[in-house]
């Protein structure tokens, strides 16, 4: 998986229909620095990866795994993380899925007898 972080970032950015400059602005990093990360010339810190993840609206864990900061087993481990890291889904689709998931979870909780 070495060297794939940059390709993964570029793929996620393109799925989000963002230019390099737009993502750099969203993530609070410079355009040249983000370009260097995508080309595999720079290795970003966990903090920078978190900022980029926020800019892409995906889970930071997905980027940590790609960057080798987390083992895959420690990476995407929840339904929420999986939904948030799926670049094929729009923000609206992610919200709807997470809302629906939370509704199912709430309905499956034992009744406390209140109300």
PDB file of N, CA and C in Angstrom:
ATOM      1  N   UNK A   1       0.829  -1.198   0.000  1.00  0.00           N
ATOM      2  CA  UNK A   1       0.000   0.000   0.000  1.00  0.00           C
ATOM      3  C   UNK A   1       0.869   1.256   0.000  1.00  0.00           C
ATOM      4  N   UNK A   2       2.172   1.084   0.094  1.00  0.00           N
ATOM      5  CA  UNK A   2       3.075   2.233   0.109  1.00  0.00           C
ATOM      6  C   UNK A   2       2.910   3.036  -1.168  1.00  0.00           C
ATOM      7  N   UNK A   3       2.924   4.348  -1.024  1.00  0.00           N
ATOM      8  CA  UNK A   3       2.807   5.209  -2.188  1.00  0.00           C
ATOM      9  C   UNK A   3       1.390   5.416  -2.666  1.00  0.00           C
ATOM     10  N   UNK A   4       0.419   4.750  -2.046  1.00  0.00           N
ATOM     11  CA  UNK A   4      -0.945   4.854  -2.539  1.00  0.00           C
ATOM     12  C   UNK A   4      -1.740   5.981  -1.884  1.00  0.00           C
ATOM     13  N   UNK A   5      -1.188   6.620  -0.854  1.00  0.00           N
ATOM     14  CA  UNK A   5      -1.914   7.703  -0.192  1.00  0.00           C
ATOM     15  C   UNK A   5      -2.239   8.820  -1.177  1.00  0.00           C
ATOM     16  N   UNK A   6      -1.246   9.253  -1.933  1.00  0.00           N
ATOM     17  CA  UNK A   6      -1.452  10.342  -2.885  1.00  0.00           C
ATOM     18  C   UNK A   6      -2.503  10.007  -3.929  1.00  0.00           C
ATOM     19  N   UNK A   7      -2.424   8.781  -4.452  1.00  0.00           N
ATOM     20  CA  UNK A   7      -3.412   8.352  -5.442  1.00  0.00           C
ATOM     21  C   UNK A   7      -4.806   8.304  -4.833  1.00  0.00           C
ATOM     22  N   UNK A   8      -4.884   7.802  -3.597  1.00  0.00           N
ATOM     23  CA  UNK A   8      -6.167   7.729  -2.899  1.00  0.00           C
ATOM     24  C   UNK A   8      -6.738   9.131  -2.692  1.00  0.00           C
ATOM     25  N   UNK A   9      -5.901  10.069  -2.258  1.00  0.00           N
ATOM     26  CA  UNK A   9      -6.354  11.449  -2.055  1.00  0.00           C
ATOM     27  C   UNK A   9      -6.862  12.060  -3.358  1.00  0.00           C
ATOM     28  N   UNK A  10      -6.102  11.856  -4.408  1.00  0.00           N
ATOM     29  CA  UNK A  10      -6.508  12.410  -5.700  1.00  0.00           C
ATOM     30  C   UNK A  10      -7.850  11.814  -6.148  1.00  0.00           C
ATOM     31  N   UNK A  11      -8.002  10.512  -5.963  1.00  0.00           N
ATOM     32  CA  UNK A  11      -9.250   9.841  -6.324  1.00  0.00           C
ATOM     33  C   UNK A  11     -10.422  10.387  -5.502  1.00  0.00           C
ATOM     34  N   UNK A  12     -10.211  10.547  -4.195  1.00  0.00           N
ATOM     35  CA  UNK A  12     -11.265  11.065  -3.328  1.00  0.00           C
ATOM     36  C   UNK A  12     -11.615  12.507  -3.702  1.00  0.00           C
ATOM     37  N   UNK A  13     -10.603  13.289  -4.022  1.00  0.00           N
ATOM     38  CA  UNK A  13     -10.822  14.690  -4.407  1.00  0.00           C
ATOM     39  C   UNK A  13     -11.630  14.760  -5.700  1.00  0.00           C
ATOM     40  N   UNK A  14     -11.303  13.900  -6.649  1.00  0.00           N
ATOM     41  CA  UNK A  14     -12.021  13.895  -7.917  1.00  0.00           C
ATOM     42  C   UNK A  14     -13.462  13.423  -7.737  1.00  0.00           C
ATOM     43  N   UNK A  15     -13.674  12.421  -6.874  1.00  0.00           N
ATOM     44  CA  UNK A  15     -15.046  11.971  -6.583  1.00  0.00           C
ATOM     45  C   UNK A  15     -15.860  13.089  -5.946  1.00  0.00           C
ATOM     46  N   UNK A  16     -15.188  13.902  -5.114  1.00  0.00           N
ATOM     47  CA  UNK A  16     -15.874  15.027  -4.466  1.00  0.00           C
ATOM     48  C   UNK A  16     -16.024  16.218  -5.413  1.00  0.00           C
ATOM     49  N   UNK A  17     -15.487  16.081  -6.626  1.00  0.00           N
ATOM     50  CA  UNK A  17     -15.541  17.124  -7.648  1.00  0.00           C
ATOM     51  C   UNK A  17     -14.926  18.425  -7.155  1.00  0.00           C
ATOM     52  N   UNK A  18     -13.745  18.280  -6.531  1.00  0.00           N
ATOM     53  CA  UNK A  18     -13.009  19.432  -6.034  1.00  0.00           C
ATOM     54  C   UNK A  18     -11.707  19.587  -6.800  1.00  0.00           C
ATOM     55  N   UNK A  19     -11.345  20.833  -7.073  1.00  0.00           N
ATOM     56  CA  UNK A  19     -10.025  21.082  -7.651  1.00  0.00           C
ATOM     57  C   UNK A  19      -8.997  20.993  -6.531  1.00  0.00           C
ATOM     58  N   UNK A  20      -7.752  20.900  -6.905  1.00  0.00           N
ATOM     59  CA  UNK A  20      -6.679  20.872  -5.920  1.00  0.00           C
ATOM     60  C   UNK A  20      -6.747  22.120  -5.040  1.00  0.00           C
ATOM     61  N   UNK A  21      -6.959  23.253  -5.663  1.00  0.00           N
ATOM     62  CA  UNK A  21      -7.044  24.526  -4.937  1.00  0.00           C
ATOM     63  C   UNK A  21      -8.236  24.545  -3.972  1.00  0.00           C
ATOM     64  N   UNK A  22      -9.381  24.035  -4.404  1.00  0.00           N
ATOM     65  CA  UNK A  22     -10.566  24.013  -3.544  1.00  0.00           C
ATOM     66  C   UNK A  22     -10.329  23.154  -2.296  1.00  0.00           C
ATOM     67  N   UNK A  23      -9.726  21.980  -2.502  1.00  0.00           N
ATOM     68  CA  UNK A  23      -9.462  21.117  -1.360  1.00  0.00           C
ATOM     69  C   UNK A  23      -8.414  21.741  -0.444  1.00  0.00           C
ATOM     70  N   UNK A  24      -7.395  22.344  -1.019  1.00  0.00           N
ATOM     71  CA  UNK A  24      -6.371  23.003  -0.202  1.00  0.00           C
ATOM     72  C   UNK A  24      -7.008  24.090   0.668  1.00  0.00           C
ATOM     73  N   UNK A  25      -7.918  24.865   0.085  1.00  0.00           N
ATOM     74  CA  UNK A  25      -8.611  25.907   0.845  1.00  0.00           C
ATOM     75  C   UNK A  25      -9.455  25.303   1.966  1.00  0.00           C
ATOM     76  N   UNK A  26     -10.207  24.247   1.640  1.00  0.00           N
ATOM     77  CA  UNK A  26     -11.053  23.594   2.640  1.00  0.00           C
ATOM     78  C   UNK A  26     -10.236  22.999   3.784  1.00  0.00           C
ATOM     79  N   UNK A  27      -9.067  22.454   3.432  1.00  0.00           N
ATOM     80  CA  UNK A  27      -8.235  21.767   4.422  1.00  0.00           C
ATOM     81  C   UNK A  27      -7.299  22.716   5.161  1.00  0.00           C
ATOM     82  N   UNK A  28      -7.172  23.930   4.669  1.00  0.00           N
ATOM     83  CA  UNK A  28      -6.290  24.895   5.317  1.00  0.00           C
ATOM     84  C   UNK A  28      -4.811  24.611   5.094  1.00  0.00           C
ATOM     85  N   UNK A  29      -4.498  24.025   3.941  1.00  0.00           N
ATOM     86  CA  UNK A  29      -3.094  23.774   3.585  1.00  0.00           C
ATOM     87  C   UNK A  29      -2.810  24.484   2.263  1.00  0.00           C
ATOM     88  N   UNK A  30      -1.540  24.645   1.956  1.00  0.00           N
ATOM     89  CA  UNK A  30      -1.210  25.335   0.709  1.00  0.00           C
ATOM     90  C   UNK A  30      -1.437  24.418  -0.490  1.00  0.00           C
ATOM     91  N   UNK A  31      -1.750  25.036  -1.603  1.00  0.00           N
ATOM     92  CA  UNK A  31      -1.961  24.318  -2.850  1.00  0.00           C
ATOM     93  C   UNK A  31      -0.722  23.492  -3.230  1.00  0.00           C
ATOM     94  N   UNK A  32       0.490  24.081  -3.205  1.00  0.00           N
ATOM     95  CA  UNK A  32       1.684  23.298  -3.561  1.00  0.00           C
ATOM     96  C   UNK A  32       1.915  22.117  -2.606  1.00  0.00           C
ATOM     97  N   UNK A  33       1.656  22.315  -1.318  1.00  0.00           N
ATOM     98  CA  UNK A  33       1.860  21.237  -0.347  1.00  0.00           C
ATOM     99  C   UNK A  33       0.913  20.074  -0.627  1.00  0.00           C
ATOM    100  N   UNK A  34      -0.362  20.383  -0.882  1.00  0.00           N
ATOM    101  CA  UNK A  34      -1.331  19.336  -1.200  1.00  0.00           C
ATOM    102  C   UNK A  34      -0.933  18.616  -2.486  1.00  0.00           C
ATOM    103  N   UNK A  35      -0.474  19.353  -3.470  1.00  0.00           N
ATOM    104  CA  UNK A  35      -0.011  18.751  -4.717  1.00  0.00           C
ATOM    105  C   UNK A  35       1.148  17.785  -4.465  1.00  0.00           C
ATOM    106  N   UNK A  36       2.069  18.185  -3.600  1.00  0.00           N
ATOM    107  CA  UNK A  36       3.206  17.320  -3.272  1.00  0.00           C
ATOM    108  C   UNK A  36       2.755  16.052  -2.555  1.00  0.00           C
ATOM    109  N   UNK A  37       1.744  16.162  -1.709  1.00  0.00           N
ATOM    110  CA  UNK A  37       1.204  14.986  -1.019  1.00  0.00           C
ATOM    111  C   UNK A  37       0.597  14.033  -2.049  1.00  0.00           C
ATOM    112  N   UNK A  38      -0.201  14.582  -2.959  1.00  0.00           N
ATOM    113  CA  UNK A  38      -0.845  13.752  -3.981  1.00  0.00           C
ATOM    114  C   UNK A  38       0.174  13.061  -4.883  1.00  0.00           C
ATOM    115  N   UNK A  39       1.291  13.721  -5.128  1.00  0.00           N
ATOM    116  CA  UNK A  39       2.318  13.137  -5.995  1.00  0.00           C
ATOM    117  C   UNK A  39       3.284  12.239  -5.229  1.00  0.00           C
ATOM    118  N   UNK A  40       3.068  12.102  -3.925  1.00  0.00           N
ATOM    119  CA  UNK A  40       3.907  11.229  -3.124  1.00  0.00           C
ATOM    120  C   UNK A  40       5.241  11.826  -2.733  1.00  0.00           C
ATOM    121  N   UNK A  41       5.388  13.142  -2.877  1.00  0.00           N
ATOM    122  CA  UNK A  41       6.658  13.797  -2.561  1.00  0.00           C
ATOM    123  C   UNK A  41       6.758  14.204  -1.098  1.00  0.00           C
ATOM    124  N   UNK A  42       5.613  14.359  -0.436  1.00  0.00           N
ATOM    125  CA  UNK A  42       5.577  14.753   0.982  1.00  0.00           C
ATOM    126  C   UNK A  42       4.723  13.763   1.742  1.00  0.00           C
ATOM    127  N   UNK A  43       5.106  13.538   2.989  1.00  0.00           N
ATOM    128  CA  UNK A  43       4.327  12.662   3.873  1.00  0.00           C
ATOM    129  C   UNK A  43       3.693  13.548   4.944  1.00  0.00           C
ATOM    130  N   UNK A  44       2.376  13.708   4.897  1.00  0.00           N
ATOM    131  CA  UNK A  44       1.713  14.626   5.832  1.00  0.00           C
ATOM    132  C   UNK A  44       1.618  14.042   7.243  1.00  0.00           C
ATOM    133  N   UNK A  45       1.503  14.930   8.216  1.00  0.00           N
ATOM    134  CA  UNK A  45       1.305  14.524   9.604  1.00  0.00           C
ATOM    135  C   UNK A  45      -0.139  14.064   9.782  1.00  0.00           C
ATOM    136  N   UNK A  46      -0.414  13.444  10.921  1.00  0.00           N
ATOM    137  CA  UNK A  46      -1.775  13.020  11.241  1.00  0.00           C
ATOM    138  C   UNK A  46      -2.720  14.224  11.287  1.00  0.00           C
ATOM    139  N   UNK A  47      -2.218  15.361  11.793  1.00  0.00           N
ATOM    140  CA  UNK A  47      -3.052  16.566  11.858  1.00  0.00           C
ATOM    141  C   UNK A  47      -3.450  17.051  10.468  1.00  0.00           C
ATOM    142  N   UNK A  48      -2.487  17.061   9.564  1.00  0.00           N
ATOM    143  CA  UNK A  48      -2.775  17.495   8.190  1.00  0.00           C
ATOM    144  C   UNK A  48      -3.745  16.518   7.529  1.00  0.00           C
ATOM    145  N   UNK A  49      -3.546  15.212   7.761  1.00  0.00           N
ATOM    146  CA  UNK A  49      -4.474  14.230   7.201  1.00  0.00           C
ATOM    147  C   UNK A  49      -5.882  14.449   7.724  1.00  0.00           C
ATOM    148  N   UNK A  50      -5.993  14.797   8.993  1.00  0.00           N
ATOM    149  CA  UNK A  50      -7.312  15.060   9.563  1.00  0.00           C
ATOM    150  C   UNK A  50      -7.963  16.271   8.891  1.00  0.00           C
ATOM    151  N   UNK A  51      -7.181  17.318   8.642  1.00  0.00           N
ATOM    152  CA  UNK A  51      -7.709  18.507   7.962  1.00  0.00           C
ATOM    153  C   UNK A  51      -8.156  18.154   6.545  1.00  0.00           C
ATOM    154  N   UNK A  52      -7.366  17.346   5.854  1.00  0.00           N
ATOM    155  CA  UNK A  52      -7.720  16.942   4.487  1.00  0.00           C
ATOM    156  C   UNK A  52      -8.990  16.102   4.505  1.00  0.00           C
ATOM    157  N   UNK A  53      -9.080  15.185   5.468  1.00  0.00           N
ATOM    158  CA  UNK A  53     -10.279  14.341   5.585  1.00  0.00           C
ATOM    159  C   UNK A  53     -11.521  15.199   5.783  1.00  0.00           C
ATOM    160  N   UNK A  54     -11.420  16.214   6.632  1.00  0.00           N
ATOM    161  CA  UNK A  54     -12.552  17.122   6.841  1.00  0.00           C
ATOM    162  C   UNK A  54     -12.908  17.830   5.544  1.00  0.00           C
ATOM    163  N   UNK A  55     -11.882  18.262   4.810  1.00  0.00           N
ATOM    164  CA  UNK A  55     -12.122  18.928   3.531  1.00  0.00           C
ATOM    165  C   UNK A  55     -12.807  18.027   2.527  1.00  0.00           C
ATOM    166  N   UNK A  56     -12.489  16.737   2.582  1.00  0.00           N
ATOM    167  CA  UNK A  56     -13.097  15.765   1.671  1.00  0.00           C
ATOM    168  C   UNK A  56     -14.402  15.188   2.210  1.00  0.00           C
ATOM    169  N   UNK A  57     -14.664  15.459   3.495  1.00  0.00           N
ATOM    170  CA  UNK A  57     -15.836  14.912   4.184  1.00  0.00           C
ATOM    171  C   UNK A  57     -15.793  13.382   4.198  1.00  0.00           C
ATOM    172  N   UNK A  58     -14.619  12.842   4.544  1.00  0.00           N
ATOM    173  CA  UNK A  58     -14.454  11.403   4.745  1.00  0.00           C
ATOM    174  C   UNK A  58     -13.828  11.201   6.123  1.00  0.00           C
ATOM    175  N   UNK A  59     -13.778   9.973   6.567  1.00  0.00           N
ATOM    176  CA  UNK A  59     -13.208   9.719   7.887  1.00  0.00           C
ATOM    177  C   UNK A  59     -11.689   9.847   7.837  1.00  0.00           C
ATOM    178  N   UNK A  60     -11.136  10.429   8.874  1.00  0.00           N
ATOM    179  CA  UNK A  60      -9.679  10.556   8.970  1.00  0.00           C
ATOM    180  C   UNK A  60      -9.033   9.188   9.055  1.00  0.00           C
ATOM    181  N   UNK A  61      -9.722   8.223   9.654  1.00  0.00           N
ATOM    182  CA  UNK A  61      -9.165   6.882   9.803  1.00  0.00           C
ATOM    183  C   UNK A  61      -8.816   6.260   8.457  1.00  0.00           C
ATOM    184  N   UNK A  62      -9.652   6.508   7.451  1.00  0.00           N
ATOM    185  CA  UNK A  62      -9.375   5.969   6.122  1.00  0.00           C
ATOM    186  C   UNK A  62      -8.035   6.496   5.595  1.00  0.00           C
ATOM    187  N   UNK A  63      -7.756   7.764   5.851  1.00  0.00           N
ATOM    188  CA  UNK A  63      -6.482   8.342   5.419  1.00  0.00           C
ATOM    189  C   UNK A  63      -5.332   7.833   6.279  1.00  0.00           C
ATOM    190  N   UNK A  64      -5.572   7.662   7.577  1.00  0.00           N
ATOM    191  CA  UNK A  64      -4.517   7.145   8.466  1.00  0.00           C
ATOM    192  C   UNK A  64      -4.080   5.750   8.023  1.00  0.00           C
ATOM    193  N   UNK A  65      -5.039   4.925   7.633  1.00  0.00           N
ATOM    194  CA  UNK A  65      -4.712   3.578   7.162  1.00  0.00           C
ATOM    195  C   UNK A  65      -3.875   3.664   5.890  1.00  0.00           C
ATOM    196  N   UNK A  66      -4.290   4.502   4.952  1.00  0.00           N
ATOM    197  CA  UNK A  66      -3.550   4.660   3.695  1.00  0.00           C
ATOM    198  C   UNK A  66      -2.139   5.188   3.922  1.00  0.00           C
ATOM    199  N   UNK A  67      -1.996   6.042   4.930  1.00  0.00           N
ATOM    200  CA  UNK A  67      -0.689   6.640   5.215  1.00  0.00           C
ATOM    201  C   UNK A  67       0.188   5.723   6.066  1.00  0.00           C
ATOM    202  N   UNK A  68      -0.376   4.597   6.512  1.00  0.00           N
ATOM    203  CA  UNK A  68       0.387   3.672   7.337  1.00  0.00           C
ATOM    204  C   UNK A  68       0.454   4.077   8.799  1.00  0.00           C
ATOM    205  N   UNK A  69      -0.393   5.017   9.212  1.00  0.00           N
ATOM    206  CA  UNK A  69      -0.418   5.449  10.611  1.00  0.00           C
ATOM    207  C   UNK A  69      -1.272   4.532  11.477  1.00  0.00           C
ATOM    208  N   UNK A  70      -2.171   3.785  10.853  1.00  0.00           N
ATOM    209  CA  UNK A  70      -3.019   2.818  11.541  1.00  0.00           C
ATOM    210  C   UNK A  70      -2.980   1.507  10.783  1.00  0.00           C
ATOM    211  N   UNK A  71      -3.071   0.420  11.507  1.00  0.00           N
ATOM    212  CA  UNK A  71      -3.240  -0.869  10.847  1.00  0.00           C
ATOM    213  C   UNK A  71      -4.654  -0.926  10.309  1.00  0.00           C
ATOM    214  N   UNK A  72      -4.841  -1.703   9.248  1.00  0.00           N
ATOM    215  CA  UNK A  72      -6.177  -1.798   8.649  1.00  0.00           C
ATOM    216  C   UNK A  72      -7.204  -2.248   9.679  1.00  0.00           C
ATOM    217  N   UNK A  73      -6.823  -3.151  10.568  1.00  0.00           N
ATOM    218  CA  UNK A  73      -7.756  -3.648  11.577  1.00  0.00           C
ATOM    219  C   UNK A  73      -8.209  -2.532  12.512  1.00  0.00           C
ATOM    220  N   UNK A  74      -7.360  -1.520  12.703  1.00  0.00           N
ATOM    221  CA  UNK A  74      -7.722  -0.401  13.567  1.00  0.00           C
ATOM    222  C   UNK A  74      -8.453   0.690  12.793  1.00  0.00           C
ATOM    223  N   UNK A  75      -8.507   0.576  11.487  1.00  0.00           N
ATOM    224  CA  UNK A  75      -9.056   1.622  10.631  1.00  0.00           C
ATOM    225  C   UNK A  75     -10.568   1.680  10.685  1.00  0.00           C
ATOM    226  N   UNK A  76     -11.204   1.577   9.547  1.00  0.00           N
ATOM    227  CA  UNK A  76     -12.649   1.700   9.461  1.00  0.00           C
ATOM    228  C   UNK A  76     -13.269   0.560  10.254  1.00  0.00           C
ATOM    229  N   UNK A  77     -13.933   0.903  11.343  1.00  0.00           N
ATOM    230  CA  UNK A  77     -14.448  -0.135  12.218  1.00  0.00           C
ATOM    231  C   UNK A  77     -15.915   0.059  12.558  1.00  0.00           C
ATOM    232  N   UNK A  78     -16.493   1.138  12.132  1.00  0.00           N
ATOM    233  CA  UNK A  78     -17.897   1.372  12.433  1.00  0.00           C
ATOM    234  C   UNK A  78     -18.665   1.634  11.145  1.00  0.00           C
ATOM    235  N   UNK A  79     -19.958   1.474  11.245  1.00  0.00           N
ATOM    236  CA  UNK A  79     -20.814   1.777  10.092  1.00  0.00           C
ATOM    237  C   UNK A  79     -20.644   3.242   9.701  1.00  0.00           C
ATOM    238  N   UNK A  80     -20.579   4.115  10.713  1.00  0.00           N
ATOM    239  CA  UNK A  80     -20.433   5.538  10.440  1.00  0.00           C
ATOM    240  C   UNK A  80     -19.154   5.824   9.651  1.00  0.00           C
ATOM    241  N   UNK A  81     -18.040   5.219  10.069  1.00  0.00           N
ATOM    242  CA  UNK A  81     -16.778   5.430   9.367  1.00  0.00           C
ATOM    243  C   UNK A  81     -16.855   4.930   7.925  1.00  0.00           C
ATOM    244  N   UNK A  82     -17.481   3.771   7.749  1.00  0.00           N
ATOM    245  CA  UNK A  82     -17.589   3.204   6.402  1.00  0.00           C
ATOM    246  C   UNK A  82     -18.407   4.114   5.492  1.00  0.00           C
ATOM    247  N   UNK A  83     -19.531   4.608   6.003  1.00  0.00           N
ATOM    248  CA  UNK A  83     -20.381   5.491   5.198  1.00  0.00           C
ATOM    249  C   UNK A  83     -19.636   6.787   4.880  1.00  0.00           C
ATOM    250  N   UNK A  84     -19.014   7.382   5.902  1.00  0.00           N
ATOM    251  CA  UNK A  84     -18.327   8.661   5.702  1.00  0.00           C
ATOM    252  C   UNK A  84     -17.135   8.540   4.761  1.00  0.00           C
ATOM    253  N   UNK A  85     -16.518   7.363   4.699  1.00  0.00           N
ATOM    254  CA  UNK A  85     -15.338   7.211   3.850  1.00  0.00           C
ATOM    255  C   UNK A  85     -15.679   6.783   2.430  1.00  0.00           C
ATOM    256  N   UNK A  86     -16.950   6.544   2.137  1.00  0.00           N
ATOM    257  CA  UNK A  86     -17.350   6.099   0.804  1.00  0.00           C
ATOM    258  C   UNK A  86     -17.492   7.294  -0.141  1.00  0.00           C
ATOM    259  N   UNK A  87     -16.514   7.445  -0.997  1.00  0.00           N
ATOM    260  CA  UNK A  87     -16.491   8.594  -1.909  1.00  0.00           C
ATOM    261  C   UNK A  87     -17.580   8.528  -2.974  1.00  0.00           C
ATOM    262  N   UNK A  88     -18.166   7.361  -3.177  1.00  0.00           N
ATOM    263  CA  UNK A  88     -19.208   7.233  -4.189  1.00  0.00           C
ATOM    264  C   UNK A  88     -20.537   7.826  -3.729  1.00  0.00           C
ATOM    265  N   UNK A  89     -20.655   8.110  -2.426  1.00  0.00           N
ATOM    266  CA  UNK A  89     -21.893   8.674  -1.888  1.00  0.00           C
ATOM    267  C   UNK A  89     -21.788  10.188  -1.780  1.00  0.00           C
ATOM    268  N   UNK A  90     -22.890  10.858  -2.063  1.00  0.00           N
ATOM    269  CA  UNK A  90     -22.925  12.315  -1.886  1.00  0.00           C
ATOM    270  C   UNK A  90     -23.086  12.622  -0.400  1.00  0.00           C
ATOM    271  N   UNK A  91     -22.848  13.868  -0.018  1.00  0.00           N
ATOM    272  CA  UNK A  91     -23.037  14.274   1.376  1.00  0.00           C
ATOM    273  C   UNK A  91     -24.466  14.003   1.825  1.00  0.00           C
ATOM    274  N   UNK A  92     -25.417  14.290   0.966  1.00  0.00           N
ATOM    275  CA  UNK A  92     -26.824  14.066   1.298  1.00  0.00           C
ATOM    276  C   UNK A  92     -27.089  12.583   1.512  1.00  0.00           C
ATOM    277  N   UNK A  93     -26.566  11.730   0.639  1.00  0.00           N
ATOM    278  CA  UNK A  93     -26.753  10.289   0.784  1.00  0.00           C
ATOM    279  C   UNK A  93     -26.131   9.786   2.087  1.00  0.00           C
ATOM    280  N   UNK A  94     -24.964  10.318   2.436  1.00  0.00           N
ATOM    281  CA  UNK A  94     -24.308   9.919   3.688  1.00  0.00           C
ATOM    282  C   UNK A  94     -25.179  10.291   4.884  1.00  0.00           C
ATOM    283  N   UNK A  95     -25.716  11.511   4.876  1.00  0.00           N
ATOM    284  CA  UNK A  95     -26.579  11.949   5.982  1.00  0.00           C
ATOM    285  C   UNK A  95     -27.811  11.065   6.106  1.00  0.00           C
ATOM    286  N   UNK A  96     -28.451  10.761   4.969  1.00  0.00           N
ATOM    287  CA  UNK A  96     -29.663   9.938   4.982  1.00  0.00           C
ATOM    288  C   UNK A  96     -29.335   8.543   5.511  1.00  0.00           C
ATOM    289  N   UNK A  97     -28.256   7.955   5.035  1.00  0.00           N
ATOM    290  CA  UNK A  97     -27.873   6.621   5.512  1.00  0.00           C
ATOM    291  C   UNK A  97     -27.582   6.617   7.006  1.00  0.00           C
ATOM    292  N   UNK A  98     -26.846   7.623   7.466  1.00  0.00           N
ATOM    293  CA  UNK A  98     -26.516   7.679   8.890  1.00  0.00           C
ATOM    294  C   UNK A  98     -27.755   7.929   9.744  1.00  0.00           C
ATOM    295  N   UNK A  99     -28.667   8.772   9.252  1.00  0.00           N
ATOM    296  CA  UNK A  99     -29.922   9.006   9.979  1.00  0.00           C
ATOM    297  C   UNK A  99     -30.746   7.720  10.066  1.00  0.00           C
ATOM    298  N   UNK A 100     -30.825   7.012   8.957  1.00  0.00           N
ATOM    299  CA  UNK A 100     -31.576   5.758   8.924  1.00  0.00           C
ATOM    300  C   UNK A 100     -30.935   4.727   9.849  1.00  0.00           C
ATOM    301  N   UNK A 101     -29.634   4.622   9.800  1.00  0.00           N
ATOM    302  CA  UNK A 101     -28.914   3.693  10.671  1.00  0.00           C
ATOM    303  C   UNK A 101     -29.178   4.021  12.136  1.00  0.00           C
ATOM    304  N   UNK A 102     -29.098   5.300  12.477  1.00  0.00           N
ATOM    305  CA  UNK A 102     -29.335   5.706  13.868  1.00  0.00           C
ATOM    306  C   UNK A 102     -30.771   5.399  14.283  1.00  0.00           C
ATOM    307  N   UNK A 103     -31.725   5.566  13.378  1.00  0.00           N
ATOM    308  CA  UNK A 103     -33.126   5.243  13.671  1.00  0.00           C
ATOM    309  C   UNK A 103     -33.269   3.760  13.979  1.00  0.00           C
ATOM    310  N   UNK A 104     -32.651   2.915  13.169  1.00  0.00           N
ATOM    311  CA  UNK A 104     -32.700   1.475  13.422  1.00  0.00           C
ATOM    312  C   UNK A 104     -32.054   1.125  14.751  1.00  0.00           C
ATOM    313  N   UNK A 105     -30.942   1.760  15.060  1.00  0.00           N
ATOM    314  CA  UNK A 105     -30.258   1.487  16.332  1.00  0.00           C
ATOM    315  C   UNK A 105     -31.139   1.901  17.502  1.00  0.00           C
ATOM    316  N   UNK A 106     -31.778   3.064  17.379  1.00  0.00           N
ATOM    317  CA  UNK A 106     -32.640   3.558  18.454  1.00  0.00           C
ATOM    318  C   UNK A 106     -33.835   2.630  18.646  1.00  0.00           C
ATOM    319  N   UNK A 107     -34.427   2.182  17.538  1.00  0.00           N
ATOM    320  CA  UNK A 107     -35.583   1.290  17.616  1.00  0.00           C
ATOM    321  C   UNK A 107     -35.225  -0.053  18.223  1.00  0.00           C
ATOM    322  N   UNK A 108     -34.003  -0.485  18.068  1.00  0.00           N
ATOM    323  CA  UNK A 108     -33.612  -1.801  18.581  1.00  0.00           C
ATOM    324  C   UNK A 108     -33.189  -1.776  20.032  1.00  0.00           C
ATOM    325  N   UNK A 109     -33.097  -0.566  20.629  1.00  0.00           N
ATOM    326  CA  UNK A 109     -32.756  -0.465  22.037  1.00  0.00           C
ATOM    327  C   UNK A 109     -33.928  -0.938  22.882  1.00  0.00           C
ATOM    328  N   UNK A 110     -33.631  -1.582  24.009  1.00  0.00           N
ATOM    329  CA  UNK A 110     -34.717  -2.067  24.870  1.00  0.00           C
ATOM    330  C   UNK A 110     -35.587  -0.918  25.378  1.00  0.00           C
ATOM    331  N   UNK A 111     -36.852  -1.167  25.472  1.00  0.00           N
ATOM    332  CA  UNK A 111     -37.798  -0.173  25.986  1.00  0.00           C
ATOM    333  C   UNK A 111     -37.573   0.008  27.482  1.00  0.00           C
ATOM    334  N   UNK A 112     -37.430   1.260  27.917  1.00  0.00           N
ATOM    335  CA  UNK A 112     -37.175   1.540  29.327  1.00  0.00           C
ATOM    336  C   UNK A 112     -38.456   1.678  30.120  1.00  0.00           C
ATOM    337  N   UNK A 113     -39.587   1.608  29.436  1.00  0.00           N
ATOM    338  CA  UNK A 113     -40.855   1.732  30.129  1.00  0.00           C
ATOM    339  C   UNK A 113     -41.288   3.166  30.350  1.00  0.00           C
ATOM    340  N   UNK A 114     -40.478   4.109  29.905  1.00  0.00           N
ATOM    341  CA  UNK A 114     -40.833   5.522  30.062  1.00  0.00           C
ATOM    342  C   UNK A 114     -41.763   5.941  28.936  1.00  0.00           C
ATOM    343  N   UNK A 115     -42.613   6.937  29.228  1.00  0.00           N
ATOM    344  CA  UNK A 115     -43.432   7.539  28.207  1.00  0.00           C
ATOM    345  C   UNK A 115     -44.657   6.824  27.965  1.00  0.00           C
TER     346      UNK A 115
END
